[in-house]
Amino acid sequence: MLAGLACQINVGGPHPPSEPIQFSTLEALQLEDTWRSALEADPINGRVALVITERELSAFLAARMAEAQNPLLKEPQVRLQAGEIQIFGVASAGPIEASALLSIQPQVDSEGALAFNITTAQVGPVPVPNKLKQGLSDLLTEAFTGKLGSVATGIRITSLAIADGEAAIVGELR
């Protein structure tokens, strides 16, 4: 085992801009509860609003990665700043580990559907090719709308704002 640890190679890469976000596993459940509460609330004029924090998203992503047999990222950290979602973590392939960064711009279309466009993807010192970024964007959109969207299918998103560690979503009940 010691020999295996000695063979672990870290090739570096991007790092989160500040201290790691501390969260509990309960915060992963809190995000799903936030969606449910938005649907079950008695909204004024059929509108709903919810705010999601970096801690909740980091906990949610960490919980999903922990469920995976071969997770894409370890130690995920989600930052919500200036209209963008940044996901930092550690990617590994065999004995090689590298820091990873995904910068994502969420988009709301005219039908109120949410999609994600990955603008930056880097593993270690190497940027991810555009074709793979598009595939990851599609995968992320499907994963988000599949897991959380199944709870939130009754909401047509009218606006989304990301700043200062929070994402604010406003929508209408369908």
Protein backbone atom coordinates (compact mmCIF):
# COMPACT_ATOMS: atom_id res chain seq x y z
CA MET A 1 0.00 0.00 0.00
CA LEU A 2 2.84 2.38 0.81
CA ALA A 3 4.37 1.66 -2.57
CA GLY A 4 1.07 2.56 -4.22
CA LEU A 5 0.89 5.83 -2.34
CA ALA A 6 4.47 6.60 -3.27
CA CYS A 7 3.57 6.10 -6.94
CA GLN A 8 0.71 8.61 -6.79
CA ILE A 9 1.60 11.49 -9.08
CA ASN A 10 -0.04 14.89 -8.82
CA VAL A 11 0.40 16.93 -12.00
CA GLY A 12 -0.98 20.16 -10.52
CA GLY A 13 -3.43 22.41 -12.29
CA PRO A 14 -5.95 25.08 -11.28
CA HIS A 15 -6.74 25.76 -7.63
CA PRO A 16 -9.81 27.23 -5.94
CA PRO A 17 -9.49 30.99 -5.41
CA SER A 18 -9.95 30.86 -1.64
CA GLU A 19 -10.33 28.61 1.38
CA PRO A 20 -12.22 25.34 0.82
CA ILE A 21 -15.97 25.46 1.41
CA GLN A 22 -16.90 23.53 4.54
CA PHE A 23 -20.21 21.67 4.35
CA SER A 24 -22.07 18.76 5.86
CA THR A 25 -23.78 15.86 4.15
CA LEU A 26 -27.11 17.23 5.38
CA GLU A 27 -26.67 20.25 3.12
CA ALA A 28 -26.87 17.95 0.08
CA LEU A 29 -30.39 16.99 1.15
CA GLN A 30 -31.18 20.61 1.86
CA LEU A 31 -30.83 21.47 -1.83
CA GLU A 32 -33.42 18.89 -2.84
CA ASP A 33 -35.68 20.10 -0.03
CA THR A 34 -35.31 23.66 -1.33
CA TRP A 35 -36.66 22.56 -4.72
CA ARG A 36 -39.54 20.65 -3.12
CA SER A 37 -40.40 23.58 -0.87
CA ALA A 38 -40.52 25.91 -3.86
CA LEU A 39 -43.10 23.64 -5.51
CA GLU A 40 -45.15 23.07 -2.38
CA ALA A 41 -45.26 26.71 -1.31
CA ASP A 42 -48.28 28.86 -2.00
CA PRO A 43 -46.61 31.31 -4.37
CA ILE A 44 -47.97 34.78 -4.94
CA ASN A 45 -49.27 35.15 -8.51
CA GLY A 46 -47.95 31.69 -9.39
CA ARG A 47 -44.31 32.78 -9.01
CA VAL A 48 -41.67 30.97 -7.01
CA ALA A 49 -38.22 32.10 -5.96
CA LEU A 50 -35.38 30.17 -4.40
CA VAL A 51 -31.79 30.81 -3.47
CA ILE A 52 -29.10 28.14 -3.61
CA THR A 53 -25.74 28.59 -1.91
CA GLU A 54 -22.22 27.43 -2.73
CA ARG A 55 -22.31 25.22 0.36
CA GLU A 56 -25.49 23.46 -0.78
CA LEU A 57 -24.20 22.91 -4.33
CA SER A 58 -20.80 21.71 -3.07
CA ALA A 59 -22.49 19.28 -0.68
CA PHE A 60 -24.90 18.08 -3.39
CA LEU A 61 -22.07 17.48 -5.88
CA ALA A 62 -19.90 15.76 -3.25
CA ALA A 63 -22.79 13.44 -2.33
CA ARG A 64 -23.38 12.52 -6.00
CA MET A 65 -19.68 11.91 -6.59
CA ALA A 66 -19.53 9.72 -3.46
CA GLU A 67 -22.33 7.55 -4.92
CA ALA A 68 -20.37 6.93 -8.15
CA GLN A 69 -18.15 3.91 -8.51
CA ASN A 70 -15.53 5.93 -10.42
CA PRO A 71 -16.31 9.57 -9.64
CA LEU A 72 -15.27 12.25 -12.10
CA LEU A 73 -14.10 14.51 -9.28
CA LYS A 74 -13.00 14.15 -5.68
CA GLU A 75 -13.19 17.00 -3.18
CA PRO A 76 -15.55 19.13 -5.31
CA GLN A 77 -15.92 22.81 -4.50
CA VAL A 78 -18.55 25.00 -6.19
CA ARG A 79 -18.16 28.76 -6.49
CA LEU A 80 -21.01 31.04 -7.58
CA GLN A 81 -19.67 34.39 -8.78
CA ALA A 82 -20.36 36.97 -11.50
CA GLY A 83 -22.93 34.95 -13.44
CA GLU A 84 -20.77 31.84 -13.50
CA ILE A 85 -20.54 28.50 -11.73
CA GLN A 86 -16.99 27.29 -11.12
CA ILE A 87 -16.42 23.71 -10.06
CA PHE A 88 -13.00 22.79 -8.70
CA GLY A 89 -11.91 19.30 -7.72
CA VAL A 90 -9.36 16.56 -8.11
CA ALA A 91 -9.58 14.28 -11.16
CA SER A 92 -7.73 10.99 -11.18
CA ALA A 93 -6.83 8.29 -13.66
CA GLY A 94 -4.98 5.40 -12.07
CA PRO A 95 -2.03 6.77 -10.11
CA ILE A 96 -2.24 10.21 -11.72
CA GLU A 97 -4.15 13.01 -10.00
CA ALA A 98 -4.68 16.54 -11.22
CA SER A 99 -6.62 19.56 -10.11
CA ALA A 100 -9.57 20.30 -12.36
CA LEU A 101 -11.69 23.36 -13.12
CA LEU A 102 -14.99 23.74 -14.95
CA SER A 103 -16.35 27.24 -15.54
CA ILE A 104 -20.00 27.08 -16.49
CA GLN A 105 -22.46 29.68 -17.69
CA PRO A 106 -26.06 28.64 -17.04
CA GLN A 107 -28.57 29.69 -19.66
CA VAL A 108 -32.35 29.93 -19.55
CA ASP A 109 -34.11 29.60 -22.90
CA SER A 110 -37.40 31.23 -23.94
CA GLU A 111 -39.30 28.13 -22.74
CA GLY A 112 -37.83 28.45 -19.24
CA ALA A 113 -35.54 25.43 -19.59
CA LEU A 114 -32.13 25.53 -17.96
CA ALA A 115 -28.99 24.50 -19.84
CA PHE A 116 -25.28 24.73 -19.05
CA ASN A 117 -22.45 25.91 -21.29
CA ILE A 118 -18.94 25.00 -20.16
CA THR A 119 -16.70 27.93 -21.08
CA THR A 120 -13.51 26.65 -19.45
CA ALA A 121 -12.45 23.10 -18.68
CA GLN A 122 -8.97 22.29 -17.50
CA VAL A 123 -7.45 19.15 -16.00
CA GLY A 124 -3.98 19.70 -14.64
CA PRO A 125 -2.10 22.06 -16.91
CA VAL A 126 -4.05 20.88 -19.99
CA PRO A 127 -7.21 22.57 -21.31
CA VAL A 128 -10.00 20.21 -22.36
CA PRO A 129 -10.77 20.17 -26.13
CA ASN A 130 -13.93 22.00 -27.29
CA LYS A 131 -15.68 18.80 -28.40
CA LEU A 132 -15.27 17.30 -24.93
CA LYS A 133 -16.43 20.57 -23.32
CA GLN A 134 -19.63 20.37 -25.39
CA GLY A 135 -20.15 16.78 -24.31
CA LEU A 136 -19.63 17.75 -20.68
CA SER A 137 -22.06 20.66 -21.09
CA ASP A 138 -24.71 18.28 -22.42
CA LEU A 139 -24.02 15.77 -19.64
CA LEU A 140 -24.24 18.43 -16.95
CA THR A 141 -27.50 19.78 -18.38
CA GLU A 142 -28.98 16.28 -18.45
CA ALA A 143 -27.72 15.44 -14.95
CA PHE A 144 -29.13 18.64 -13.45
CA THR A 145 -32.48 18.50 -15.17
CA GLY A 146 -32.74 14.76 -14.54
CA LYS A 147 -32.00 14.75 -10.81
CA LEU A 148 -33.31 18.11 -9.67
CA GLY A 149 -35.51 18.71 -12.67
CA SER A 150 -37.67 15.71 -11.83
CA VAL A 151 -38.62 17.57 -8.67
CA ALA A 152 -38.81 20.94 -10.39
CA THR A 153 -40.66 20.02 -13.58
CA GLY A 154 -43.53 22.25 -12.52
CA ILE A 155 -41.38 25.41 -12.72
CA ARG A 156 -40.73 27.51 -15.82
CA ILE A 157 -37.60 29.51 -15.01
CA THR A 158 -37.97 33.20 -15.83
CA SER A 159 -34.66 34.45 -14.46
CA LEU A 160 -31.42 33.22 -12.96
CA ALA A 161 -28.82 35.38 -11.23
CA ILE A 162 -25.48 34.22 -9.84
CA ALA A 163 -23.36 36.41 -7.58
CA ASP A 164 -21.68 36.56 -4.20
CA GLY A 165 -21.86 32.84 -3.46
CA GLU A 166 -25.55 32.39 -4.32
CA ALA A 167 -27.75 31.50 -7.27
CA ALA A 168 -31.22 33.06 -7.25
CA ILE A 169 -33.83 31.39 -9.42
CA VAL A 170 -37.22 32.89 -10.15
CA GLY A 171 -39.89 30.96 -11.97
CA GLU A 172 -43.55 30.41 -12.59
CA LEU A 173 -45.61 27.35 -11.87
CA ARG A 174 -46.69 25.71 -15.11
